[in-house]
N, C-alpha and C. Protein backbone atom coordinates (compact mmCIF):
# COMPACT_ATOMS: atom_id res chain seq x y z
N UNK A 1 -19.44 -15.10 -16.44
CA UNK A 1 -18.42 -15.76 -16.57
C UNK A 1 -17.97 -16.46 -15.61
N UNK A 2 -16.63 -17.11 -15.51
CA UNK A 2 -16.22 -17.69 -14.68
C UNK A 2 -14.75 -17.53 -14.46
N UNK A 3 -14.41 -16.92 -13.31
CA UNK A 3 -12.94 -16.88 -12.96
C UNK A 3 -12.46 -17.14 -12.23
N UNK A 4 -10.84 -17.47 -12.02
CA UNK A 4 -10.44 -18.31 -11.32
C UNK A 4 -9.01 -17.36 -10.88
N UNK A 5 -9.28 -17.34 -9.26
CA UNK A 5 -7.71 -16.49 -8.90
C UNK A 5 -7.06 -17.39 -7.85
N UNK A 6 -5.48 -17.37 -8.25
CA UNK A 6 -4.46 -17.87 -7.76
C UNK A 6 -3.81 -16.89 -6.74
N UNK A 7 -3.50 -17.00 -5.84
CA UNK A 7 -2.96 -16.16 -4.72
C UNK A 7 -1.96 -16.79 -4.06
N UNK A 8 -1.17 -15.66 -4.33
CA UNK A 8 0.55 -16.38 -3.44
C UNK A 8 1.04 -15.60 -2.47
N UNK A 9 1.68 -16.26 -1.15
CA UNK A 9 2.59 -15.28 -1.05
C UNK A 9 3.79 -14.39 -1.82
N UNK A 10 3.96 -13.08 -1.17
CA UNK A 10 4.96 -12.37 -2.22
C UNK A 10 6.43 -13.05 -2.10
N UNK A 11 7.38 -12.63 -3.08
CA UNK A 11 8.37 -13.18 -2.43
C UNK A 11 8.87 -12.35 -1.43
N UNK A 12 9.42 -12.94 -0.28
CA UNK A 12 10.52 -12.02 0.88
C UNK A 12 9.78 -12.22 1.63
N UNK A 13 8.16 -13.06 1.51
CA UNK A 13 7.12 -13.00 2.75
C UNK A 13 7.41 -14.18 3.14
N UNK A 14 7.21 -14.25 4.78
CA UNK A 14 7.09 -15.52 5.76
C UNK A 14 6.44 -16.49 4.94
N UNK A 15 6.39 -17.26 5.15
CA UNK A 15 5.34 -18.81 4.20
C UNK A 15 5.23 -19.85 5.19
N UNK A 16 5.03 -20.00 6.27
CA UNK A 16 5.22 -21.26 7.21
C UNK A 16 4.52 -22.53 6.60
N UNK A 17 3.55 -22.47 6.07
CA UNK A 17 2.81 -23.81 5.28
C UNK A 17 3.75 -24.07 3.95
N UNK A 18 4.17 -23.08 3.36
CA UNK A 18 5.30 -23.44 2.21
C UNK A 18 6.44 -24.44 2.86
N UNK A 19 6.76 -23.93 3.85
CA UNK A 19 8.33 -24.21 4.67
C UNK A 19 8.02 -25.61 5.11
N UNK A 20 6.80 -25.88 5.63
CA UNK A 20 6.58 -27.54 6.01
C UNK A 20 5.85 -27.85 5.25
N UNK A 21 5.92 -27.54 3.85
CA UNK A 21 5.46 -28.62 2.96
C UNK A 21 6.79 -29.02 2.03
N UNK A 22 7.51 -27.72 2.11
CA UNK A 22 9.37 -28.02 1.51
C UNK A 22 9.96 -28.90 2.34
N UNK A 23 9.81 -28.76 3.79
CA UNK A 23 10.70 -29.78 4.61
C UNK A 23 10.17 -30.92 4.36
N UNK A 24 8.58 -31.53 4.67
CA UNK A 24 7.45 -33.24 4.44
C UNK A 24 8.20 -33.24 3.10
N UNK A 25 8.52 -32.65 2.29
CA UNK A 25 8.54 -33.50 0.78
C UNK A 25 9.67 -33.89 0.79
N UNK A 26 11.05 -33.00 1.45
CA UNK A 26 12.31 -32.94 1.50
C UNK A 26 12.96 -34.58 2.50
N UNK A 27 11.50 -34.90 3.79
CA UNK A 27 12.12 -35.75 4.24
C UNK A 27 11.40 -36.85 3.73
N UNK A 28 10.63 -37.03 2.17
CA UNK A 28 10.20 -37.86 1.88
C UNK A 28 10.85 -38.31 0.74
N UNK A 29 12.05 -37.71 0.96
CA UNK A 29 12.78 -38.06 -0.62
C UNK A 29 13.11 -37.34 -1.80
N UNK A 30 12.14 -35.95 -1.32
CA UNK A 30 11.76 -35.14 -2.63
C UNK A 30 12.89 -34.09 -2.85
N UNK A 31 13.39 -34.21 -3.91
CA UNK A 31 14.33 -32.33 -4.04
C UNK A 31 13.28 -31.48 -4.27
N UNK A 32 13.49 -30.66 -3.08
CA UNK A 32 12.71 -29.78 -2.97
C UNK A 32 13.52 -28.16 -2.94
N UNK A 33 13.95 -27.15 -3.34
CA UNK A 33 14.34 -25.77 -2.97
C UNK A 33 13.60 -25.13 -1.91
N UNK A 34 12.67 -24.77 -2.71
CA UNK A 34 11.58 -24.43 -2.31
C UNK A 34 10.17 -24.42 -2.49
N UNK A 35 9.34 -24.43 -1.58
CA UNK A 35 7.86 -24.34 -1.70
C UNK A 35 7.08 -23.28 -1.02
N UNK A 36 6.16 -22.86 -2.21
CA UNK A 36 5.57 -21.70 -1.75
C UNK A 36 3.49 -21.91 -1.53
N UNK A 37 2.73 -21.94 -0.48
CA UNK A 37 1.58 -21.76 -0.24
C UNK A 37 0.33 -21.60 -0.45
N UNK A 38 -0.60 -21.32 -1.51
CA UNK A 38 -1.18 -20.49 -1.85
C UNK A 38 -2.76 -21.06 -1.44
N UNK A 39 -3.04 -20.14 -2.36
CA UNK A 39 -5.18 -20.77 -2.49
C UNK A 39 -5.19 -20.41 -3.72
N UNK A 40 -6.50 -21.17 -4.24
CA UNK A 40 -6.90 -21.12 -6.04
C UNK A 40 -8.27 -20.86 -5.12
N UNK A 41 -9.36 -19.80 -5.77
CA UNK A 41 -10.05 -19.31 -5.87
C UNK A 41 -11.53 -19.38 -7.00
N UNK A 42 -12.55 -20.24 -6.85
CA UNK A 42 -13.12 -20.33 -8.14
C UNK A 42 -14.52 -19.68 -8.05
N UNK A 43 -14.90 -18.63 -8.88
CA UNK A 43 -16.04 -17.44 -8.99
C UNK A 43 -16.88 -18.22 -10.16
N UNK A 44 -17.96 -17.52 -9.99
CA UNK A 44 -18.81 -17.03 -11.37
C UNK A 44 -19.34 -15.90 -10.95
N UNK A 45 -18.85 -15.08 -11.77
CA UNK A 45 -19.25 -13.65 -11.91
C UNK A 45 -20.02 -13.06 -12.91
N UNK A 46 -21.52 -12.12 -12.82
CA UNK A 46 -22.07 -11.55 -13.55
C UNK A 46 -21.69 -10.53 -14.18
N UNK A 47 -21.07 -10.33 -15.66
CA UNK A 47 -20.40 -9.42 -16.06
C UNK A 47 -20.75 -9.52 -17.39
N UNK A 48 -20.74 -8.32 -18.21
CA UNK A 48 -21.01 -7.96 -19.63
C UNK A 48 -19.89 -9.03 -20.33
N UNK A 49 -18.74 -8.55 -20.07
CA UNK A 49 -17.85 -9.12 -20.93
C UNK A 49 -16.75 -9.53 -19.65
N UNK A 50 -15.45 -10.14 -20.51
CA UNK A 50 -14.48 -10.55 -20.10
C UNK A 50 -13.89 -9.45 -19.26
N UNK A 51 -13.45 -8.32 -20.05
CA UNK A 51 -12.58 -7.18 -18.94
C UNK A 51 -13.72 -6.61 -18.04
N UNK A 52 -15.12 -6.79 -18.45
CA UNK A 52 -15.94 -6.10 -16.73
C UNK A 52 -15.67 -7.41 -15.58
N UNK A 53 -15.90 -8.75 -15.93
CA UNK A 53 -15.59 -9.53 -15.09
C UNK A 53 -13.80 -9.16 -14.12
N UNK A 54 -13.42 -9.53 -15.29
CA UNK A 54 -11.79 -9.03 -14.78
C UNK A 54 -11.67 -7.36 -13.63
N UNK A 55 -12.42 -6.66 -14.31
CA UNK A 55 -12.30 -5.53 -13.40
C UNK A 55 -13.07 -5.95 -11.78
N UNK A 56 -14.32 -6.88 -12.39
CA UNK A 56 -14.96 -6.70 -10.98
C UNK A 56 -14.22 -7.82 -9.89
N UNK A 57 -13.30 -8.47 -10.58
CA UNK A 57 -12.44 -9.77 -9.59
C UNK A 57 -11.34 -9.01 -9.40
N UNK A 58 -10.99 -8.40 -9.88
CA UNK A 58 -9.64 -7.63 -8.89
C UNK A 58 -10.17 -6.54 -8.33
N UNK A 59 -10.95 -6.32 -8.40
CA UNK A 59 -11.55 -5.09 -7.24
C UNK A 59 -12.05 -6.02 -5.88
N UNK A 60 -12.12 -7.26 -6.31
CA UNK A 60 -12.61 -8.17 -5.39
C UNK A 60 -11.38 -8.80 -4.42
N UNK A 61 -10.63 -9.04 -5.47
CA UNK A 61 -8.76 -9.34 -4.63
C UNK A 61 -8.30 -7.90 -3.89
N UNK A 62 -8.44 -6.61 -4.84
CA UNK A 62 -7.76 -5.72 -3.88
C UNK A 62 -8.57 -5.56 -2.29
N UNK A 63 -10.02 -5.84 -2.31
CA UNK A 63 -10.99 -5.32 -0.83
C UNK A 63 -10.95 -6.95 0.16
N UNK A 64 -10.41 -7.98 -0.14
CA UNK A 64 -11.15 -9.43 0.43
C UNK A 64 -10.30 -10.59 0.17
N UNK A 65 -10.15 -10.77 -1.10
CA UNK A 65 -9.86 -12.09 -1.44
C UNK A 65 -8.06 -12.64 -0.82
N UNK A 66 -7.46 -11.12 -1.27
CA UNK A 66 -6.07 -11.21 -1.38
C UNK A 66 -5.74 -10.08 -0.30
N UNK A 67 -4.78 -10.02 0.23
CA UNK A 67 -4.07 -9.02 1.00
C UNK A 67 -2.99 -8.63 0.48
N UNK A 68 -3.09 -7.95 -0.17
CA UNK A 68 -1.77 -6.72 -1.45
C UNK A 68 -0.70 -6.32 -1.05
N UNK A 69 -0.80 -6.37 0.80
CA UNK A 69 0.38 -6.37 1.08
C UNK A 69 1.30 -7.43 1.32
N UNK A 70 0.97 -8.36 1.36
CA UNK A 70 1.48 -9.47 1.42
C UNK A 70 1.59 -10.99 0.45
N UNK A 71 0.32 -10.31 -0.35
CA UNK A 71 0.35 -11.68 -1.50
C UNK A 71 0.08 -11.05 -2.58
N UNK A 72 0.21 -11.82 -3.76
CA UNK A 72 -0.03 -11.20 -4.89
C UNK A 72 -0.86 -12.10 -5.84
N UNK A 73 -1.67 -12.01 -6.64
CA UNK A 73 -2.98 -13.01 -7.28
C UNK A 73 -2.96 -12.61 -8.67
N UNK A 74 -3.05 -13.58 -9.33
CA UNK A 74 -3.60 -13.46 -11.12
C UNK A 74 -5.10 -14.23 -11.30
N UNK A 75 -5.63 -13.21 -11.81
CA UNK A 75 -7.25 -13.60 -12.29
C UNK A 75 -7.62 -14.01 -13.58
N UNK A 76 -7.74 -15.43 -14.26
CA UNK A 76 -8.26 -15.90 -15.18
C UNK A 76 -9.98 -15.99 -15.38
N UNK A 77 -10.20 -15.67 -16.59
CA UNK A 77 -11.24 -15.93 -17.04
C UNK A 77 -11.73 -16.19 -17.67
N UNK A 78 -12.78 -17.29 -18.27
CA UNK A 78 -13.61 -17.81 -18.99
C UNK A 78 -15.10 -17.77 -19.06
N UNK A 79 -15.10 -17.99 -20.24
CA UNK A 79 -16.52 -18.00 -20.56
C UNK A 79 -17.67 -19.05 -20.46
């Protein structure tokens, strides 16, 4: 199973990279109120089915891929 994890800073958490991107876009003439920078992680997971794959990837997120105190994550599973 293929999995994509989107990891983002939680609302209210300082995001210096997002601030830099927002500022740079403003200087280039783009009207941006807020920018948040995260990461995308693509995985191939050995799993019996989509539910098993999602459970495994969520466990990976909680233990390594995301810091649950300051980041949120979304998991998308594809066959």
